[in-house]
Amino acid sequence: MSFHSIKIEDSFYTTAKLHANAEHRTISSQIGYWAKIGKIALENPDLPVSFIKDILIAKHLKDEAELFIFKNE
């Protein structure tokens, strides 16, 4: 993975830093997360942002979930 520097406004950086700390992310990860949600929202204007966030969480949890086996009675 390569990294690139970009210029952003100080106020945006400060806001990203606050959210990053609250959500246990790096500032770079927080901005990337917002960009990912924004991109998905633009590609799917009919979906609410809260639904998009839930999908991303579920997708992450799917990889860590244990298989549940139903008992036959």
PDB file of N, CA and C in Angstrom:
ATOM      1  N   MET A   1       0.850  -1.165   0.000  1.00  0.00           N
ATOM      2  CA  MET A   1       0.000   0.000   0.000  1.00  0.00           C
ATOM      3  C   MET A   1       0.895   1.227   0.000  1.00  0.00           C
ATOM      4  N   SER A   2       0.562   2.179  -0.828  1.00  0.00           N
ATOM      5  CA  SER A   2       1.333   3.414  -0.848  1.00  0.00           C
ATOM      6  C   SER A   2       0.533   4.523  -0.170  1.00  0.00           C
ATOM      7  N   PHE A   3       1.239   5.532   0.278  1.00  0.00           N
ATOM      8  CA  PHE A   3       0.608   6.649   0.966  1.00  0.00           C
ATOM      9  C   PHE A   3       0.895   7.931   0.211  1.00  0.00           C
ATOM     10  N   HIS A   4      -0.069   8.847   0.252  1.00  0.00           N
ATOM     11  CA  HIS A   4       0.059  10.126  -0.426  1.00  0.00           C
ATOM     12  C   HIS A   4      -0.361  11.236   0.529  1.00  0.00           C
ATOM     13  N   SER A   5       0.301  12.352   0.448  1.00  0.00           N
ATOM     14  CA  SER A   5      -0.068  13.513   1.252  1.00  0.00           C
ATOM     15  C   SER A   5      -1.121  14.324   0.507  1.00  0.00           C
ATOM     16  N   ILE A   6      -2.074  14.841   1.265  1.00  0.00           N
ATOM     17  CA  ILE A   6      -3.076  15.732   0.681  1.00  0.00           C
ATOM     18  C   ILE A   6      -3.245  16.931   1.609  1.00  0.00           C
ATOM     19  N   LYS A   7      -3.733  18.029   1.079  1.00  0.00           N
ATOM     20  CA  LYS A   7      -3.990  19.217   1.881  1.00  0.00           C
ATOM     21  C   LYS A   7      -5.472  19.244   2.228  1.00  0.00           C
ATOM     22  N   ILE A   8      -5.756  19.446   3.516  1.00  0.00           N
ATOM     23  CA  ILE A   8      -7.140  19.601   3.965  1.00  0.00           C
ATOM     24  C   ILE A   8      -7.188  20.802   4.901  1.00  0.00           C
ATOM     25  N   GLU A   9      -8.366  21.350   5.064  1.00  0.00           N
ATOM     26  CA  GLU A   9      -8.548  22.505   5.944  1.00  0.00           C
ATOM     27  C   GLU A   9      -8.316  22.098   7.398  1.00  0.00           C
ATOM     28  N   ASP A  10      -7.814  23.035   8.174  1.00  0.00           N
ATOM     29  CA  ASP A  10      -7.536  22.776   9.588  1.00  0.00           C
ATOM     30  C   ASP A  10      -8.795  22.344  10.348  1.00  0.00           C
ATOM     31  N   SER A  11      -9.915  22.982  10.038  1.00  0.00           N
ATOM     32  CA  SER A  11     -11.156  22.654  10.748  1.00  0.00           C
ATOM     33  C   SER A  11     -11.593  21.212  10.460  1.00  0.00           C
ATOM     34  N   PHE A  12     -11.396  20.770   9.225  1.00  0.00           N
ATOM     35  CA  PHE A  12     -11.743  19.386   8.873  1.00  0.00           C
ATOM     36  C   PHE A  12     -10.820  18.414   9.594  1.00  0.00           C
ATOM     37  N   TYR A  13      -9.537  18.744   9.646  1.00  0.00           N
ATOM     38  CA  TYR A  13      -8.562  17.906  10.339  1.00  0.00           C
ATOM     39  C   TYR A  13      -8.920  17.787  11.823  1.00  0.00           C
ATOM     40  N   THR A  14      -9.279  18.906  12.433  1.00  0.00           N
ATOM     41  CA  THR A  14      -9.637  18.904  13.851  1.00  0.00           C
ATOM     42  C   THR A  14     -10.878  18.051  14.101  1.00  0.00           C
ATOM     43  N   THR A  15     -11.868  18.178  13.238  1.00  0.00           N
ATOM     44  CA  THR A  15     -13.086  17.371  13.359  1.00  0.00           C
ATOM     45  C   THR A  15     -12.763  15.889  13.184  1.00  0.00           C
ATOM     46  N   ALA A  16     -11.941  15.563  12.200  1.00  0.00           N
ATOM     47  CA  ALA A  16     -11.554  14.168  11.964  1.00  0.00           C
ATOM     48  C   ALA A  16     -10.789  13.616  13.160  1.00  0.00           C
ATOM     49  N   LYS A  17      -9.940  14.436  13.754  1.00  0.00           N
ATOM     50  CA  LYS A  17      -9.161  14.004  14.921  1.00  0.00           C
ATOM     51  C   LYS A  17     -10.079  13.687  16.102  1.00  0.00           C
ATOM     52  N   LEU A  18     -11.080  14.527  16.336  1.00  0.00           N
ATOM     53  CA  LEU A  18     -12.030  14.289  17.429  1.00  0.00           C
ATOM     54  C   LEU A  18     -12.798  12.982  17.221  1.00  0.00           C
ATOM     55  N   HIS A  19     -13.291  12.784  16.000  1.00  0.00           N
ATOM     56  CA  HIS A  19     -14.039  11.564  15.696  1.00  0.00           C
ATOM     57  C   HIS A  19     -13.126  10.334  15.730  1.00  0.00           C
ATOM     58  N   ALA A  20     -11.923  10.495  15.244  1.00  0.00           N
ATOM     59  CA  ALA A  20     -10.967   9.382  15.241  1.00  0.00           C
ATOM     60  C   ALA A  20     -10.676   8.924  16.659  1.00  0.00           C
ATOM     61  N   ASN A  21     -10.451   9.865  17.562  1.00  0.00           N
ATOM     62  CA  ASN A  21     -10.203   9.509  18.955  1.00  0.00           C
ATOM     63  C   ASN A  21     -11.410   8.821  19.572  1.00  0.00           C
ATOM     64  N   ALA A  22     -12.595   9.335  19.301  1.00  0.00           N
ATOM     65  CA  ALA A  22     -13.819   8.764  19.867  1.00  0.00           C
ATOM     66  C   ALA A  22     -14.095   7.362  19.335  1.00  0.00           C
ATOM     67  N   GLU A  23     -13.707   7.106  18.083  1.00  0.00           N
ATOM     68  CA  GLU A  23     -14.006   5.826  17.447  1.00  0.00           C
ATOM     69  C   GLU A  23     -12.776   4.922  17.352  1.00  0.00           C
ATOM     70  N   HIS A  24     -11.712   5.279  18.079  1.00  0.00           N
ATOM     71  CA  HIS A  24     -10.489   4.464  18.163  1.00  0.00           C
ATOM     72  C   HIS A  24      -9.889   4.159  16.791  1.00  0.00           C
ATOM     73  N   ARG A  25      -9.767   5.214  15.990  1.00  0.00           N
ATOM     74  CA  ARG A  25      -9.141   5.109  14.667  1.00  0.00           C
ATOM     75  C   ARG A  25      -8.014   6.134  14.581  1.00  0.00           C
ATOM     76  N   THR A  26      -7.162   5.954  13.599  1.00  0.00           N
ATOM     77  CA  THR A  26      -6.207   7.009  13.282  1.00  0.00           C
ATOM     78  C   THR A  26      -6.957   8.086  12.503  1.00  0.00           C
ATOM     79  N   ILE A  27      -6.368   9.261  12.416  1.00  0.00           N
ATOM     80  CA  ILE A  27      -7.004  10.332  11.658  1.00  0.00           C
ATOM     81  C   ILE A  27      -7.127   9.928  10.195  1.00  0.00           C
ATOM     82  N   SER A  28      -6.093   9.308   9.674  1.00  0.00           N
ATOM     83  CA  SER A  28      -6.121   8.838   8.292  1.00  0.00           C
ATOM     84  C   SER A  28      -7.230   7.809   8.079  1.00  0.00           C
ATOM     85  N   SER A  29      -7.372   6.884   9.018  1.00  0.00           N
ATOM     86  CA  SER A  29      -8.425   5.866   8.912  1.00  0.00           C
ATOM     87  C   SER A  29      -9.806   6.496   8.983  1.00  0.00           C
ATOM     88  N   GLN A  30      -9.959   7.515   9.845  1.00  0.00           N
ATOM     89  CA  GLN A  30     -11.251   8.183   9.985  1.00  0.00           C
ATOM     90  C   GLN A  30     -11.650   8.859   8.683  1.00  0.00           C
ATOM     91  N   ILE A  31     -10.714   9.567   8.077  1.00  0.00           N
ATOM     92  CA  ILE A  31     -11.008  10.247   6.808  1.00  0.00           C
ATOM     93  C   ILE A  31     -11.300   9.217   5.719  1.00  0.00           C
ATOM     94  N   GLY A  32     -10.556   8.113   5.710  1.00  0.00           N
ATOM     95  CA  GLY A  32     -10.821   7.041   4.752  1.00  0.00           C
ATOM     96  C   GLY A  32     -12.195   6.433   4.950  1.00  0.00           C
ATOM     97  N   TYR A  33     -12.599   6.270   6.216  1.00  0.00           N
ATOM     98  CA  TYR A  33     -13.919   5.725   6.545  1.00  0.00           C
ATOM     99  C   TYR A  33     -15.013   6.655   6.029  1.00  0.00           C
ATOM    100  N   TRP A  34     -14.851   7.949   6.290  1.00  0.00           N
ATOM    101  CA  TRP A  34     -15.828   8.918   5.790  1.00  0.00           C
ATOM    102  C   TRP A  34     -15.881   8.902   4.270  1.00  0.00           C
ATOM    103  N   ALA A  35     -14.735   8.794   3.641  1.00  0.00           N
ATOM    104  CA  ALA A  35     -14.690   8.768   2.174  1.00  0.00           C
ATOM    105  C   ALA A  35     -15.407   7.521   1.639  1.00  0.00           C
ATOM    106  N   LYS A  36     -15.196   6.390   2.303  1.00  0.00           N
ATOM    107  CA  LYS A  36     -15.841   5.143   1.872  1.00  0.00           C
ATOM    108  C   LYS A  36     -17.358   5.258   1.984  1.00  0.00           C
ATOM    109  N   ILE A  37     -17.832   5.778   3.123  1.00  0.00           N
ATOM    110  CA  ILE A  37     -19.276   5.950   3.308  1.00  0.00           C
ATOM    111  C   ILE A  37     -19.822   6.941   2.283  1.00  0.00           C
ATOM    112  N   GLY A  38     -19.109   8.029   2.052  1.00  0.00           N
ATOM    113  CA  GLY A  38     -19.541   9.021   1.075  1.00  0.00           C
ATOM    114  C   GLY A  38     -19.616   8.456  -0.324  1.00  0.00           C
ATOM    115  N   LYS A  39     -18.628   7.662  -0.695  1.00  0.00           N
ATOM    116  CA  LYS A  39     -18.617   7.049  -2.029  1.00  0.00           C
ATOM    117  C   LYS A  39     -19.805   6.102  -2.194  1.00  0.00           C
ATOM    118  N   ILE A  40     -20.041   5.273  -1.188  1.00  0.00           N
ATOM    119  CA  ILE A  40     -21.165   4.327  -1.250  1.00  0.00           C
ATOM    120  C   ILE A  40     -22.487   5.100  -1.302  1.00  0.00           C
ATOM    121  N   ALA A  41     -22.592   6.174  -0.506  1.00  0.00           N
ATOM    122  CA  ALA A  41     -23.822   6.979  -0.493  1.00  0.00           C
ATOM    123  C   ALA A  41     -24.078   7.625  -1.857  1.00  0.00           C
ATOM    124  N   LEU A  42     -23.019   8.103  -2.499  1.00  0.00           N
ATOM    125  CA  LEU A  42     -23.187   8.699  -3.824  1.00  0.00           C
ATOM    126  C   LEU A  42     -23.583   7.656  -4.870  1.00  0.00           C
ATOM    127  N   GLU A  43     -23.052   6.462  -4.730  1.00  0.00           N
ATOM    128  CA  GLU A  43     -23.381   5.394  -5.678  1.00  0.00           C
ATOM    129  C   GLU A  43     -24.761   4.794  -5.421  1.00  0.00           C
ATOM    130  N   ASN A  44     -25.297   4.987  -4.205  1.00  0.00           N
ATOM    131  CA  ASN A  44     -26.590   4.421  -3.814  1.00  0.00           C
ATOM    132  C   ASN A  44     -27.423   5.489  -3.104  1.00  0.00           C
ATOM    133  N   PRO A  45     -27.891   6.494  -3.836  1.00  0.00           N
ATOM    134  CA  PRO A  45     -28.582   7.622  -3.194  1.00  0.00           C
ATOM    135  C   PRO A  45     -29.886   7.242  -2.488  1.00  0.00           C
ATOM    136  N   ASP A  46     -30.407   6.062  -2.773  1.00  0.00           N
ATOM    137  CA  ASP A  46     -31.643   5.627  -2.139  1.00  0.00           C
ATOM    138  C   ASP A  46     -31.414   5.029  -0.748  1.00  0.00           C
ATOM    139  N   LEU A  47     -30.160   4.771  -0.376  1.00  0.00           N
ATOM    140  CA  LEU A  47     -29.862   4.169   0.927  1.00  0.00           C
ATOM    141  C   LEU A  47     -29.525   5.233   1.960  1.00  0.00           C
ATOM    142  N   PRO A  48     -30.125   5.157   3.151  1.00  0.00           N
ATOM    143  CA  PRO A  48     -29.741   6.092   4.214  1.00  0.00           C
ATOM    144  C   PRO A  48     -28.314   5.790   4.700  1.00  0.00           C
ATOM    145  N   VAL A  49     -27.618   6.820   5.143  1.00  0.00           N
ATOM    146  CA  VAL A  49     -26.247   6.660   5.616  1.00  0.00           C
ATOM    147  C   VAL A  49     -26.199   5.674   6.790  1.00  0.00           C
ATOM    148  N   SER A  50     -27.195   5.708   7.673  1.00  0.00           N
ATOM    149  CA  SER A  50     -27.201   4.780   8.811  1.00  0.00           C
ATOM    150  C   SER A  50     -27.259   3.326   8.334  1.00  0.00           C
ATOM    151  N   PHE A  51     -27.971   3.080   7.252  1.00  0.00           N
ATOM    152  CA  PHE A  51     -28.048   1.730   6.691  1.00  0.00           C
ATOM    153  C   PHE A  51     -26.700   1.318   6.111  1.00  0.00           C
ATOM    154  N   ILE A  52     -26.039   2.252   5.442  1.00  0.00           N
ATOM    155  CA  ILE A  52     -24.710   1.978   4.874  1.00  0.00           C
ATOM    156  C   ILE A  52     -23.730   1.631   5.993  1.00  0.00           C
ATOM    157  N   LYS A  53     -23.759   2.406   7.086  1.00  0.00           N
ATOM    158  CA  LYS A  53     -22.882   2.123   8.226  1.00  0.00           C
ATOM    159  C   LYS A  53     -23.168   0.734   8.794  1.00  0.00           C
ATOM    160  N   ASP A  54     -24.441   0.378   8.917  1.00  0.00           N
ATOM    161  CA  ASP A  54     -24.810  -0.952   9.433  1.00  0.00           C
ATOM    162  C   ASP A  54     -24.306  -2.067   8.519  1.00  0.00           C
ATOM    163  N   ILE A  55     -24.377  -1.858   7.216  1.00  0.00           N
ATOM    164  CA  ILE A  55     -23.875  -2.857   6.262  1.00  0.00           C
ATOM    165  C   ILE A  55     -22.369  -3.041   6.430  1.00  0.00           C
ATOM    166  N   LEU A  56     -21.631  -1.947   6.569  1.00  0.00           N
ATOM    167  CA  LEU A  56     -20.181  -2.042   6.749  1.00  0.00           C
ATOM    168  C   LEU A  56     -19.826  -2.766   8.044  1.00  0.00           C
ATOM    169  N   ILE A  57     -20.572  -2.493   9.110  1.00  0.00           N
ATOM    170  CA  ILE A  57     -20.344  -3.186  10.385  1.00  0.00           C
ATOM    171  C   ILE A  57     -20.642  -4.668  10.240  1.00  0.00           C
ATOM    172  N   ALA A  58     -21.775  -5.000   9.633  1.00  0.00           N
ATOM    173  CA  ALA A  58     -22.154  -6.404   9.452  1.00  0.00           C
ATOM    174  C   ALA A  58     -21.137  -7.140   8.593  1.00  0.00           C
ATOM    175  N   LYS A  59     -20.640  -6.476   7.568  1.00  0.00           N
ATOM    176  CA  LYS A  59     -19.631  -7.093   6.700  1.00  0.00           C
ATOM    177  C   LYS A  59     -18.372  -7.413   7.490  1.00  0.00           C
ATOM    178  N   HIS A  60     -17.986  -6.525   8.379  1.00  0.00           N
ATOM    179  CA  HIS A  60     -16.802  -6.742   9.218  1.00  0.00           C
ATOM    180  C   HIS A  60     -17.053  -7.873  10.216  1.00  0.00           C
ATOM    181  N   LEU A  61     -18.217  -7.871  10.837  1.00  0.00           N
ATOM    182  CA  LEU A  61     -18.531  -8.890  11.840  1.00  0.00           C
ATOM    183  C   LEU A  61     -18.669 -10.276  11.219  1.00  0.00           C
ATOM    184  N   LYS A  62     -19.096 -10.327   9.963  1.00  0.00           N
ATOM    185  CA  LYS A  62     -19.262 -11.613   9.273  1.00  0.00           C
ATOM    186  C   LYS A  62     -17.950 -12.391   9.260  1.00  0.00           C
ATOM    187  N   ASP A  63     -16.855 -11.684   9.064  1.00  0.00           N
ATOM    188  CA  ASP A  63     -15.546 -12.336   8.995  1.00  0.00           C
ATOM    189  C   ASP A  63     -15.100 -12.890  10.346  1.00  0.00           C
ATOM    190  N   GLU A  64     -15.629 -12.335  11.433  1.00  0.00           N
ATOM    191  CA  GLU A  64     -15.233 -12.773  12.768  1.00  0.00           C
ATOM    192  C   GLU A  64     -16.264 -13.681  13.434  1.00  0.00           C
ATOM    193  N   ALA A  65     -17.395 -13.881  12.794  1.00  0.00           N
ATOM    194  CA  ALA A  65     -18.483 -14.645  13.402  1.00  0.00           C
ATOM    195  C   ALA A  65     -18.183 -16.137  13.402  1.00  0.00           C
ATOM    196  N   GLU A  66     -18.718 -16.792  14.418  1.00  0.00           N
ATOM    197  CA  GLU A  66     -18.618 -18.248  14.491  1.00  0.00           C
ATOM    198  C   GLU A  66     -19.875 -18.857  13.876  1.00  0.00           C
ATOM    199  N   LEU A  67     -19.718 -19.985  13.258  1.00  0.00           N
ATOM    200  CA  LEU A  67     -20.843 -20.676  12.651  1.00  0.00           C
ATOM    201  C   LEU A  67     -21.784 -21.163  13.746  1.00  0.00           C
ATOM    202  N   PHE A  68     -23.069 -20.877  13.602  1.00  0.00           N
ATOM    203  CA  PHE A  68     -24.076 -21.343  14.557  1.00  0.00           C
ATOM    204  C   PHE A  68     -24.749 -22.568  13.976  1.00  0.00           C
ATOM    205  N   ILE A  69     -24.763 -23.641  14.729  1.00  0.00           N
ATOM    206  CA  ILE A  69     -25.392 -24.886  14.273  1.00  0.00           C
ATOM    207  C   ILE A  69     -26.640 -25.134  15.110  1.00  0.00           C
ATOM    208  N   PHE A  70     -27.762 -25.265  14.422  1.00  0.00           N
ATOM    209  CA  PHE A  70     -29.019 -25.526  15.102  1.00  0.00           C
ATOM    210  C   PHE A  70     -29.071 -26.980  15.529  1.00  0.00           C
ATOM    211  N   LYS A  71     -29.669 -27.230  16.685  1.00  0.00           N
ATOM    212  CA  LYS A  71     -29.848 -28.598  17.164  1.00  0.00           C
ATOM    213  C   LYS A  71     -31.110 -29.171  16.542  1.00  0.00           C
ATOM    214  N   ASN A  72     -31.030 -30.393  16.097  1.00  0.00           N
ATOM    215  CA  ASN A  72     -32.208 -31.100  15.607  1.00  0.00           C
ATOM    216  C   ASN A  72     -32.865 -31.807  16.764  1.00  0.00           C
ATOM    217  N   GLU A  73     -34.127 -31.547  16.956  1.00  0.00           N
ATOM    218  CA  GLU A  73     -34.830 -32.203  18.067  1.00  0.00           C
ATOM    219  C   GLU A  73     -35.833 -33.181  17.564  1.00  0.00           C
TER     220      GLU A  73
END
